[in-house]
Each structure stands twice: as structure tokens, then as C-alpha cells.
Amino acid sequence: MYRKIMSYLKAWKDSEYRKPLILQGARQVGKTYSILEFGRTCYENVAYFNFETNPGLNETFEENISPDYLIPILSHIAGETIVREKTLLVFDEVQLCERALTSLKYFCEDAPHYHIIVAGSLLGVAVNRTKFSFPVGKVDIKTLYPMNMEEFMLAMGEDALVEQIKKCFAADTPLPSALHDAAMQLYRQYLVVGGMPECVMQFAATKDHILVRHTQDTILASYLNDMSKYNNVNEIKKTRLVYDNITVQLSRKNTRFQYKLIKKGGRASEFENAIEWLCLSGIVSQVYKVEQIKKPLENYRDIDAFKIYVSDLGLLCAKKDLAANDVLYMVEDINDFKGGMAENYVNVQLNINGYHACYWESARGAEIDFVIQRNGKLIPIEVKSADNTKAKSLKVYMETYKPDYAVKLSTRNFSFEDGKKTVPLYAAFCI
């Protein structure tokens, strides 16, 4: 299956400023597959080392971590001759060997001609350990997310439809209604299947939602296992409480995160470490409220007001135990959840495209779901789960801040009028 990360990896390989690359991301997003596929297609050979399946590897890094010492030993272990610029060196699950991560500093300084990529599922959590020496400034860092809507459609064999959607987005012209309906159906399938590569691959091959749900449940179980394995004993229960509560918060009209909904009398001081753990592990992301719409947005964020979204829509549906047909046909029973689910979907697409979105609220309660900086301009994004596009909040925002244009995401076809760019939900990846 095509992953957009491939173009980044090829540019990294050819860059004269290349440093050892850390590829981070939540468990099961396809880090190992993407790296090995890249190595297979772009190098003569790959020397692969997994610190989870081969814990004895740690001993190799205990005495000496200089490249001159490591390369001959690693060649012997891998059974591969490691050649400068022709071999891709891969350290997988590197969070289990802190010295291996530290060695990247010396590969950068003393042996820059060796091409090396390391991957880890919980690096965000691992780098906070007290005795940890992180190679600051000596590595390139890239985050891999689950597959976005475009990658999902390509996996479903909809290459021509993807190209048509991109053209209509650029030109603000409607997609032919038959194609629009087909794309909306694919959007609803994406909500159920999500972007975890194994789930997408299974669905593309079988169209079996029961099989996909079983895989999603397995991934969720591995996340819960990580919460126990890589977490402070006192924080395990709190982390699980927060994670279990996210779907509850997304079902409310106001999706702003509230500690009191986790437990009666819940406070920030009790749960902030748990939230940070979930963010660092890549399982969730936070979107902060901004009090003013000025550049840089980061300067005006309210650190006490935020929303939390999960990193994958399929896992969200599995965690909520939503039946596939309820989402595919958008039944009334899930009305309370539709808005939060659409917001979560848009946040995932924006994250994958590299945006650090915020949300805005007026003193009188008008709210804009996302504000992003696109092509140097601050752009508001309003999300509606259906074709009801009466956006009173957007009107308030536009009168107050007069943006160049606004984006309205809903089930409606492409158009542009009164400074509002209407974009169907399935095309959020184009933003």
C-alpha cells in the first residue's frame, strides 16, 4: 500500500544535510513496514535490528557506541555487509535500548556516510526518563501517523477519484454527484476502518468489518498493555481513566475536555501527567483554545482549555463499540456522537498534514472548531457532520477577524461563496 512517508524518506536519503533519522509514532501505524519497504526499493541491502525480539542486542551497545566499534559487530549479527551509502541500517523498538539512541550522536558526527533510521513506538515517553541522553541536534525527527483519507482511498483502488477530488478542491468546482456520493461512502467507511495499515489492508482484501474490528481490539489491548509497561505505577490507572473517558467527552455538545467528567471532583493536577503520557505516546493529541487570533497562534493559547482527540478513527469506533452499519448509514442513535467524530476525523487529517491547529471561542460562546496557519494566513475551519451549514459562529468570527477566507467542512459538495470555501468531509486531506 502506498504511504506518503515514502517521498519524505527519498528526500532524506538524497539530502546533503542528512542526519540519522528517528521515525516516531504510535504503535501499529506502519513504521517498520515503511522503513523496510524504503530500504528494499532504494538501497542494495538492509541491516535490520529489533531490540524487542532480540534483547541480547543491548549488550552490543553497553561497552562502546562509536561507529568504528559498532559497524563490524552489527555486520556480523545481521549477516549483512554494511556499506556506506548503500546499506540502510535500521534500529527498531529503539526505546528499549537507550544507548543505541545515544549512539546516533556519534553516527552523525563521526560517520555521516552511514544511512541509519531508528523507529520506536513510545519514544515520546522514553525520552523523558531521567538517565536518558537524547542526541539533541544530531538527528532528523519525523512522526508517522495512521493512513489519511487519501491513502485509504488509494488502498481501495480509487486513484482516479483522488485526482478528481484534488482538482475540484483547487478549483472550487463541484464533483459530479455520483462521484460525490461514492466519496462520501468511502468517508464513512474510513470512519469505521480507520487508518491503521493492517486494518486497511484487511478491509481492502475482504470488506469484512468483523475481521477489522478484531484487529482494532487487538491494537487497543496493546495500547493498554503499554500503559502498564512504560508508565509510572501511580499513573497507570489515571492514564486508563483518561483514555476511556475521551469518547465520552466527544459525545458532548461542548467537546472541550473536562476533568470532572473523568471522575467527580477531578482536577488538572491529578490527571495532567496521564494526558501528557497519552500525547507523547502518539495515542491522542491536544488542541488548545486561543484567546486571540494573531500570529504566532502559540503565543495566545490558553493552556487550561483544550480538546483531546484520538489518533485513529477506527480505534475510536472500536473503543465506543459502534456497529459498522450505524456509522455507514449514520443512524439517529449516534446523533450525539456524530459531531465529535467528524471533528476528530478533521483533526487527524490536519495532524497528518503537519498543522498545529487551535480552536477559538468568543465571550458569548461562538466557537470555531479549528484555526490553522495555511500559506502564511490564519484560516478558520468549521466542521459539520451533515449538510446543515448554518454557521453562526463562523459569521461572528469573520466579522471580528476578517480572514482572507474560511473553510466549511460538511457533507456538501465543493463551492466558494461569500469568502467561504465549502469542502466535503472526504476532501479534508487536501487542506
Protein backbone atom coordinates (compact mmCIF):
# COMPACT_ATOMS: atom_id res chain seq x y z
CA MET A 1 0.00 0.00 0.00
CA TYR A 2 1.21 3.48 -0.87
CA ARG A 3 2.35 5.63 2.07
CA LYS A 4 3.10 9.33 1.63
CA ILE A 5 6.06 9.00 4.01
CA MET A 6 7.97 7.40 1.09
CA SER A 7 8.53 10.74 -0.65
CA TYR A 8 9.91 12.19 2.62
CA LEU A 9 12.27 9.22 3.07
CA LYS A 10 13.59 9.54 -0.50
CA ALA A 11 14.26 13.26 0.03
CA TRP A 12 16.03 12.41 3.31
CA LYS A 13 18.25 9.86 1.53
CA ASP A 14 19.30 12.41 -1.12
CA SER A 15 19.83 15.37 1.23
CA GLU A 16 23.37 16.60 1.76
CA TYR A 17 22.28 17.69 5.25
CA ARG A 18 21.01 14.21 6.15
CA LYS A 19 21.37 13.09 9.78
CA PRO A 20 20.34 9.80 11.38
CA LEU A 21 16.53 9.70 11.25
CA ILE A 22 14.20 8.97 14.15
CA LEU A 23 10.80 7.80 12.88
CA GLN A 24 8.33 8.01 15.75
CA GLY A 25 4.63 7.36 16.04
CA ALA A 26 2.02 5.32 17.87
CA ARG A 27 2.16 1.53 17.80
CA GLN A 28 0.92 -0.19 14.63
CA VAL A 29 0.94 2.89 12.35
CA GLY A 30 3.31 1.17 9.88
CA LYS A 31 6.75 2.47 10.86
CA THR A 32 8.64 -0.81 10.36
CA TYR A 33 6.82 -1.67 7.13
CA SER A 34 7.50 1.78 5.64
CA ILE A 35 11.21 1.71 6.56
CA LEU A 36 11.79 -1.82 5.24
CA GLU A 37 9.90 -1.09 2.03
CA PHE A 38 12.00 2.06 1.58
CA GLY A 39 15.18 0.06 2.23
CA ARG A 40 14.15 -2.66 -0.21
CA THR A 41 13.44 -0.22 -3.05
CA CYS A 42 16.18 2.38 -2.50
CA TYR A 43 19.23 0.50 -1.13
CA GLU A 44 21.33 -2.50 -2.09
CA ASN A 45 20.66 -4.15 1.27
CA VAL A 46 19.14 -3.56 4.72
CA ALA A 47 20.70 -4.39 8.09
CA TYR A 48 17.73 -4.70 10.47
CA PHE A 49 17.96 -4.89 14.27
CA ASN A 50 14.95 -5.26 16.59
CA PHE A 51 15.58 -4.59 20.28
CA GLU A 52 12.28 -6.19 21.29
CA THR A 53 12.73 -9.56 19.57
CA ASN A 54 16.48 -9.66 20.22
CA PRO A 55 17.09 -8.23 23.72
CA GLY A 56 20.69 -9.50 23.64
CA LEU A 57 21.45 -6.65 21.22
CA ASN A 58 21.59 -4.27 24.19
CA GLU A 59 24.90 -5.80 25.28
CA THR A 60 26.49 -4.70 21.99
CA PHE A 61 25.91 -1.07 22.96
CA GLU A 62 26.98 -1.30 26.60
CA GLU A 63 30.77 -1.03 26.22
CA ASN A 64 31.36 1.27 23.28
CA ILE A 65 28.98 3.18 20.99
CA SER A 66 31.42 4.60 18.46
CA PRO A 67 30.56 3.68 14.84
CA ASP A 68 34.05 2.19 14.23
CA TYR A 69 33.41 -0.30 17.02
CA LEU A 70 29.74 -0.98 16.23
CA ILE A 71 29.73 -1.45 12.45
CA PRO A 72 31.80 -4.70 12.28
CA ILE A 73 29.80 -6.24 15.13
CA LEU A 74 26.44 -5.21 13.64
CA SER A 75 27.51 -6.59 10.23
CA HIS A 76 28.25 -9.93 11.88
CA ILE A 77 24.93 -10.01 13.82
CA ALA A 78 22.86 -9.10 10.74
CA GLY A 79 24.76 -11.38 8.38
CA GLU A 80 24.93 -8.40 6.01
CA THR A 81 27.91 -6.35 4.87
CA ILE A 82 27.18 -2.77 5.94
CA VAL A 83 28.42 -0.47 3.18
CA ARG A 84 28.41 3.33 3.38
CA GLU A 85 25.53 4.92 1.44
CA LYS A 86 24.46 1.54 0.02
CA THR A 87 23.15 -0.18 3.16
CA LEU A 88 20.22 1.07 5.24
CA LEU A 89 20.82 0.49 8.96
CA VAL A 90 17.56 0.07 10.92
CA PHE A 91 17.18 0.01 14.72
CA ASP A 92 13.61 -0.97 15.62
CA GLU A 93 11.87 -0.60 19.02
CA VAL A 94 14.86 1.55 19.95
CA GLN A 95 13.15 2.83 23.11
CA LEU A 96 14.27 -0.45 24.71
CA CYS A 97 17.95 0.46 24.32
CA GLU A 98 18.81 3.97 25.42
CA ARG A 99 22.49 3.57 24.45
CA ALA A 100 21.51 2.76 20.85
CA LEU A 101 19.64 6.06 20.66
CA THR A 102 22.64 7.90 22.16
CA SER A 103 24.91 6.28 19.53
CA LEU A 104 23.15 8.33 16.83
CA LYS A 105 25.10 11.38 18.02
CA TYR A 106 28.36 9.65 17.06
CA PHE A 107 26.99 8.36 13.77
CA CYS A 108 26.10 11.97 12.94
CA GLU A 109 29.47 13.40 13.97
CA ASP A 110 31.95 10.64 13.05
CA ALA A 111 30.23 8.51 10.39
CA PRO A 112 27.70 10.65 8.46
CA HIS A 113 28.01 8.47 5.35
CA TYR A 114 26.13 5.63 7.03
CA HIS A 115 22.40 5.84 6.41
CA ILE A 116 20.57 4.99 9.62
CA ILE A 117 16.89 5.08 10.61
CA VAL A 118 15.60 4.20 14.07
CA ALA A 119 11.96 3.55 14.94
CA GLY A 120 10.12 3.34 18.23
CA SER A 121 6.52 3.32 19.35
CA LEU A 122 6.98 5.08 22.67
CA LEU A 123 9.97 7.34 22.08
CA GLY A 124 7.99 10.34 23.29
CA VAL A 125 7.58 8.60 26.61
CA ALA A 126 11.11 7.14 26.70
CA VAL A 127 12.97 10.41 26.17
CA ASN A 128 11.63 11.73 29.45
CA ARG A 129 13.45 9.14 31.50
CA THR A 130 15.86 10.72 33.96
CA LYS A 131 19.07 8.96 32.90
CA PHE A 132 18.31 9.28 29.21
CA SER A 133 20.78 11.04 26.89
CA PHE A 134 18.94 12.19 23.78
CA PRO A 135 21.05 13.17 20.72
CA VAL A 136 19.68 16.72 20.52
CA GLY A 137 20.55 18.46 17.24
CA LYS A 138 22.23 15.33 15.85
CA VAL A 139 19.14 13.64 14.39
CA ASP A 140 16.27 14.29 12.00
CA ILE A 141 12.87 13.50 13.53
CA LYS A 142 9.70 12.59 11.65
CA THR A 143 6.35 11.40 13.01
CA LEU A 144 4.37 8.75 11.13
CA TYR A 145 0.61 8.84 11.63
CA PRO A 146 -2.09 6.36 10.61
CA MET A 147 -3.10 6.45 6.93
CA ASN A 148 -5.08 9.55 6.00
CA MET A 149 -8.19 9.66 3.82
CA GLU A 150 -6.15 9.96 0.62
CA GLU A 151 -4.01 6.90 1.43
CA PHE A 152 -7.16 4.99 2.38
CA MET A 153 -8.83 5.78 -0.95
CA LEU A 154 -5.68 4.81 -2.85
CA ALA A 155 -5.62 1.49 -0.95
CA MET A 156 -9.21 0.96 -2.12
CA GLY A 157 -8.07 1.42 -5.74
CA GLU A 158 -9.68 4.86 -6.11
CA ASP A 159 -6.69 6.62 -7.70
CA ALA A 160 -8.78 8.43 -10.34
CA LEU A 161 -11.27 9.65 -7.74
CA VAL A 162 -8.44 11.06 -5.59
CA GLU A 163 -7.11 13.07 -8.56
CA GLN A 164 -10.60 14.37 -9.33
CA ILE A 165 -11.11 15.45 -5.70
CA LYS A 166 -7.80 17.34 -5.71
CA LYS A 167 -8.78 19.19 -8.90
CA CYS A 168 -12.21 20.15 -7.53
CA PHE A 169 -10.65 21.33 -4.26
CA ALA A 170 -8.20 23.59 -6.12
CA ALA A 171 -10.84 24.98 -8.48
CA ASP A 172 -13.81 25.11 -6.01
CA THR A 173 -15.95 23.29 -8.57
CA PRO A 174 -18.45 20.56 -7.58
CA LEU A 175 -17.56 16.91 -8.03
CA PRO A 176 -20.11 15.08 -10.27
CA SER A 177 -22.88 13.96 -7.91
CA ALA A 178 -22.32 10.22 -8.48
CA LEU A 179 -18.64 10.61 -7.57
CA HIS A 180 -19.53 12.84 -4.61
CA ASP A 181 -21.87 10.14 -3.25
CA ALA A 182 -19.21 7.46 -3.77
CA ALA A 183 -16.60 9.58 -1.97
CA MET A 184 -18.99 10.20 0.96
CA GLN A 185 -19.49 6.44 1.24
CA LEU A 186 -15.70 5.98 1.32
CA TYR A 187 -15.50 8.64 4.05
CA ARG A 188 -17.97 6.72 6.21
CA GLN A 189 -16.02 3.50 5.59
CA TYR A 190 -12.85 5.30 6.70
CA LEU A 191 -14.57 6.32 9.94
CA VAL A 192 -15.19 2.63 10.70
CA VAL A 193 -11.93 1.14 9.38
CA GLY A 194 -9.58 3.99 10.32
CA GLY A 195 -6.04 4.35 9.08
CA MET A 196 -4.12 1.55 10.81
CA PRO A 197 -2.37 -0.16 7.85
CA GLU A 198 -3.25 -3.71 8.92
CA CYS A 199 -6.94 -2.81 9.23
CA VAL A 200 -6.94 -1.02 5.85
CA MET A 201 -5.19 -3.96 4.19
CA GLN A 202 -7.70 -6.44 5.66
CA PHE A 203 -10.67 -4.31 4.62
CA ALA A 204 -9.34 -3.78 1.08
CA ALA A 205 -8.93 -7.55 0.71
CA THR A 206 -12.09 -8.82 2.44
CA LYS A 207 -14.55 -5.93 3.12
CA ASP A 208 -15.12 -7.80 6.40
CA HIS A 209 -15.88 -5.36 9.24
CA ILE A 210 -15.85 -8.14 11.87
CA LEU A 211 -12.27 -9.10 10.97
CA VAL A 212 -11.21 -5.44 11.04
CA ARG A 213 -12.86 -4.89 14.44
CA HIS A 214 -10.98 -7.90 15.86
CA THR A 215 -7.68 -6.33 14.71
CA GLN A 216 -8.68 -2.96 16.18
CA ASP A 217 -9.48 -4.61 19.53
CA THR A 218 -6.03 -6.23 19.48
CA ILE A 219 -4.36 -2.85 18.87
CA LEU A 220 -6.38 -1.28 21.70
CA ALA A 221 -5.28 -4.11 24.01
CA SER A 222 -1.62 -3.46 23.08
CA TYR A 223 -2.12 0.25 23.95
CA LEU A 224 -3.48 -0.71 27.37
CA ASN A 225 -0.53 -3.05 27.82
CA ASP A 226 1.89 -0.20 27.01
CA MET A 227 0.19 1.98 29.62
CA SER A 228 1.19 -0.60 32.21
CA LYS A 229 4.62 -1.43 30.79
CA TYR A 230 6.04 2.05 30.12
CA ASN A 231 4.36 4.09 32.82
CA ASN A 232 4.83 5.14 36.41
CA VAL A 233 2.91 2.70 38.68
CA ASN A 234 0.90 5.55 40.23
CA GLU A 235 -0.13 6.85 36.79
CA ILE A 236 -1.35 3.61 35.16
CA LYS A 237 -4.91 3.79 36.49
CA LYS A 238 -5.20 7.54 35.77
CA THR A 239 -3.93 7.10 32.21
CA ARG A 240 -6.51 4.41 31.53
CA LEU A 241 -9.26 6.53 33.10
CA VAL A 242 -8.40 9.47 30.82
CA TYR A 243 -8.18 7.27 27.71
CA ASP A 244 -11.51 5.58 28.46
CA ASN A 245 -13.14 8.96 29.04
CA ILE A 246 -12.16 10.62 25.73
CA THR A 247 -15.02 9.00 23.81
CA VAL A 248 -17.45 10.23 26.48
CA GLN A 249 -16.20 13.80 26.11
CA LEU A 250 -16.50 13.67 22.31
CA SER A 251 -20.20 12.76 22.66
CA ARG A 252 -20.99 16.04 24.39
CA LYS A 253 -22.14 19.21 22.64
CA ASN A 254 -19.15 21.06 24.08
CA THR A 255 -16.17 18.82 23.32
CA ARG A 256 -13.79 20.85 25.50
CA PHE A 257 -12.01 18.44 27.85
CA GLN A 258 -13.39 18.50 31.41
CA TYR A 259 -11.57 16.81 34.30
CA LYS A 260 -14.77 16.49 36.31
CA LEU A 261 -16.13 14.09 33.69
CA ILE A 262 -13.28 11.64 34.37
CA LYS A 263 -14.32 11.42 38.00
CA LYS A 264 -16.28 13.58 40.41
CA GLY A 265 -14.04 16.36 41.70
CA GLY A 266 -11.29 15.53 39.17
CA ARG A 267 -8.60 18.20 38.83
CA ALA A 268 -5.79 19.07 36.41
CA SER A 269 -3.08 18.31 38.98
CA GLU A 270 -4.36 14.76 39.24
CA PHE A 271 -4.62 13.92 35.54
CA GLU A 272 -2.18 16.19 33.63
CA ASN A 273 0.66 13.62 33.73
CA ALA A 274 -1.67 10.96 32.34
CA ILE A 275 -2.71 13.25 29.48
CA GLU A 276 0.92 14.09 28.72
CA TRP A 277 1.78 10.35 28.59
CA LEU A 278 -1.03 9.70 26.08
CA CYS A 279 0.11 12.66 23.90
CA LEU A 280 3.78 11.67 23.98
CA SER A 281 2.95 8.08 23.06
CA GLY A 282 1.09 9.32 19.95
CA ILE A 283 -2.24 7.79 21.01
CA VAL A 284 -4.02 11.15 21.36
CA SER A 285 -3.42 14.81 20.55
CA GLN A 286 -4.45 18.05 22.25
CA VAL A 287 -5.96 21.08 20.53
CA TYR A 288 -5.73 24.23 22.65
CA LYS A 289 -8.05 27.20 22.71
CA VAL A 290 -6.62 30.51 21.51
CA GLU A 291 -7.78 33.74 23.10
CA GLN A 292 -6.74 36.00 20.22
CA ILE A 293 -6.30 35.41 16.51
CA LYS A 294 -2.81 36.78 15.99
CA LYS A 295 0.49 35.36 14.84
CA PRO A 296 2.04 33.32 16.25
CA LEU A 297 -1.07 31.47 17.47
CA GLU A 298 1.03 29.57 20.03
CA ASN A 299 1.52 32.81 22.00
CA TYR A 300 -2.20 33.19 22.62
CA ARG A 301 -3.21 29.69 23.62
CA ASP A 302 -4.99 29.03 26.90
CA ILE A 303 -3.16 26.05 28.44
CA ASP A 304 -6.13 25.29 30.70
CA ALA A 305 -8.65 24.97 27.86
CA PHE A 306 -8.19 22.19 25.33
CA LYS A 307 -9.83 19.31 23.49
CA ILE A 308 -8.44 15.79 23.16
CA TYR A 309 -8.80 13.70 20.03
CA VAL A 310 -7.63 10.15 19.41
CA SER A 311 -5.15 9.42 16.62
CA ASP A 312 -7.27 6.93 14.66
CA LEU A 313 -10.98 6.93 13.77
CA GLY A 314 -11.31 3.15 13.52
CA LEU A 315 -9.93 2.74 17.04
CA LEU A 316 -12.35 5.44 18.21
CA CYS A 317 -15.32 3.45 16.82
CA ALA A 318 -13.93 0.19 18.23
CA LYS A 319 -13.43 1.76 21.66
CA LYS A 320 -17.00 3.08 21.57
CA ASP A 321 -18.13 -0.37 20.29
CA LEU A 322 -20.07 1.29 17.48
CA ALA A 323 -21.59 -1.12 14.97
CA ALA A 324 -20.22 -0.60 11.46
CA ASN A 325 -23.68 -0.17 9.92
CA ASP A 326 -24.62 2.52 12.45
CA VAL A 327 -21.73 4.65 11.15
CA LEU A 328 -22.07 3.68 7.47
CA TYR A 329 -25.75 4.74 7.50
CA MET A 330 -25.32 7.49 10.13
CA VAL A 331 -28.33 6.29 12.14
CA GLU A 332 -30.10 8.64 14.56
CA ASP A 333 -28.95 6.56 17.56
CA ILE A 334 -25.44 8.03 17.24
CA ASN A 335 -26.53 11.66 16.73
CA ASP A 336 -24.79 12.79 19.93
CA PHE A 337 -21.51 11.35 18.70
CA LYS A 338 -21.56 12.48 15.05
CA GLY A 339 -20.20 15.98 15.67
CA GLY A 340 -17.32 14.82 17.89
CA MET A 341 -16.45 12.06 15.43
CA ALA A 342 -16.33 14.49 12.48
CA GLU A 343 -14.15 16.90 14.49
CA ASN A 344 -11.82 14.05 15.45
CA TYR A 345 -11.60 12.98 11.79
CA VAL A 346 -10.67 16.50 10.64
CA ASN A 347 -8.07 16.84 13.40
CA VAL A 348 -6.42 13.58 12.24
CA GLN A 349 -6.21 14.85 8.64
CA LEU A 350 -4.77 18.20 9.79
CA ASN A 351 -2.19 16.50 12.04
CA ILE A 352 -1.02 14.27 9.22
CA ASN A 353 -0.59 17.35 7.02
CA GLY A 354 1.64 18.93 9.68
CA TYR A 355 -0.72 21.57 11.09
CA HIS A 356 -0.75 22.55 14.76
CA ALA A 357 -4.39 23.54 14.99
CA CYS A 358 -6.09 25.53 17.74
CA TYR A 359 -9.75 26.33 18.39
CA TRP A 360 -11.42 29.66 19.15
CA GLU A 361 -14.29 30.69 21.37
CA SER A 362 -15.91 34.10 21.74
CA ALA A 363 -17.02 35.60 25.06
CA ARG A 364 -20.62 34.87 24.03
CA GLY A 365 -20.00 31.21 23.18
CA ALA A 366 -19.42 31.29 19.40
CA GLU A 367 -16.90 28.57 18.60
CA ILE A 368 -14.66 27.74 15.64
CA ASP A 369 -13.52 24.10 15.61
CA PHE A 370 -10.05 24.74 14.19
CA VAL A 371 -7.82 27.67 13.28
CA ILE A 372 -4.71 26.89 11.23
CA GLN A 373 -1.94 28.84 9.54
CA ARG A 374 -2.08 27.96 5.83
CA ASN A 375 0.23 29.63 3.31
CA GLY A 376 1.01 32.30 5.90
CA LYS A 377 -2.66 33.11 6.55
CA LEU A 378 -4.76 32.31 9.64
CA ILE A 379 -7.72 30.30 8.37
CA PRO A 380 -10.79 29.27 10.41
CA ILE A 381 -12.28 25.82 9.80
CA GLU A 382 -15.87 24.99 10.72
CA VAL A 383 -16.83 21.28 10.84
CA LYS A 384 -20.38 19.99 10.41
CA SER A 385 -21.20 16.28 10.38
CA ALA A 386 -24.14 16.77 7.97
CA ASP A 387 -25.17 19.31 5.30
CA ASN A 388 -26.51 21.77 7.87
CA THR A 389 -24.09 24.60 7.14
CA LYS A 390 -25.74 27.45 9.05
CA ALA A 391 -22.53 28.54 10.68
CA LYS A 392 -23.47 31.36 13.08
CA SER A 393 -20.13 31.06 14.88
CA LEU A 394 -18.27 31.39 11.60
CA LYS A 395 -20.22 34.59 10.81
CA VAL A 396 -19.16 36.04 14.20
CA TYR A 397 -15.52 35.05 13.60
CA MET A 398 -15.44 36.53 10.09
CA GLU A 399 -16.98 39.82 11.22
CA THR A 400 -14.47 40.02 14.10
CA TYR A 401 -11.22 39.00 12.38
CA LYS A 402 -11.95 39.35 8.63
CA PRO A 403 -9.88 36.36 7.44
CA ASP A 404 -8.92 36.05 3.75
CA TYR A 405 -11.40 33.17 3.57
CA ALA A 406 -12.88 30.44 5.78
CA VAL A 407 -13.24 26.69 5.25
CA LYS A 408 -16.55 24.93 5.89
CA LEU A 409 -16.34 21.13 6.04
CA SER A 410 -19.62 19.23 5.73
CA THR A 411 -21.36 16.66 3.52
CA ARG A 412 -21.96 19.35 0.86
CA ASN A 413 -20.14 19.42 -2.47
CA PHE A 414 -17.32 21.87 -3.31
CA SER A 415 -18.17 25.57 -3.76
CA PHE A 416 -16.93 29.04 -2.86
CA GLU A 417 -19.15 31.98 -1.94
CA ASP A 418 -19.12 34.93 0.48
CA GLY A 419 -15.50 34.22 1.40
CA LYS A 420 -16.33 30.66 2.46
CA LYS A 421 -14.69 27.67 0.82
CA THR A 422 -17.09 24.72 1.18
CA VAL A 423 -15.23 21.41 1.23
CA PRO A 424 -16.79 17.94 1.58
CA LEU A 425 -15.53 16.00 4.61
CA TYR A 426 -13.83 13.39 2.42
CA ALA A 427 -11.54 16.11 1.00
CA ALA A 428 -10.14 17.31 4.34
CA PHE A 429 -6.80 15.77 3.32
CA CYS A 430 -6.46 18.45 0.63
CA ILE A 431 -6.18 21.28 3.16
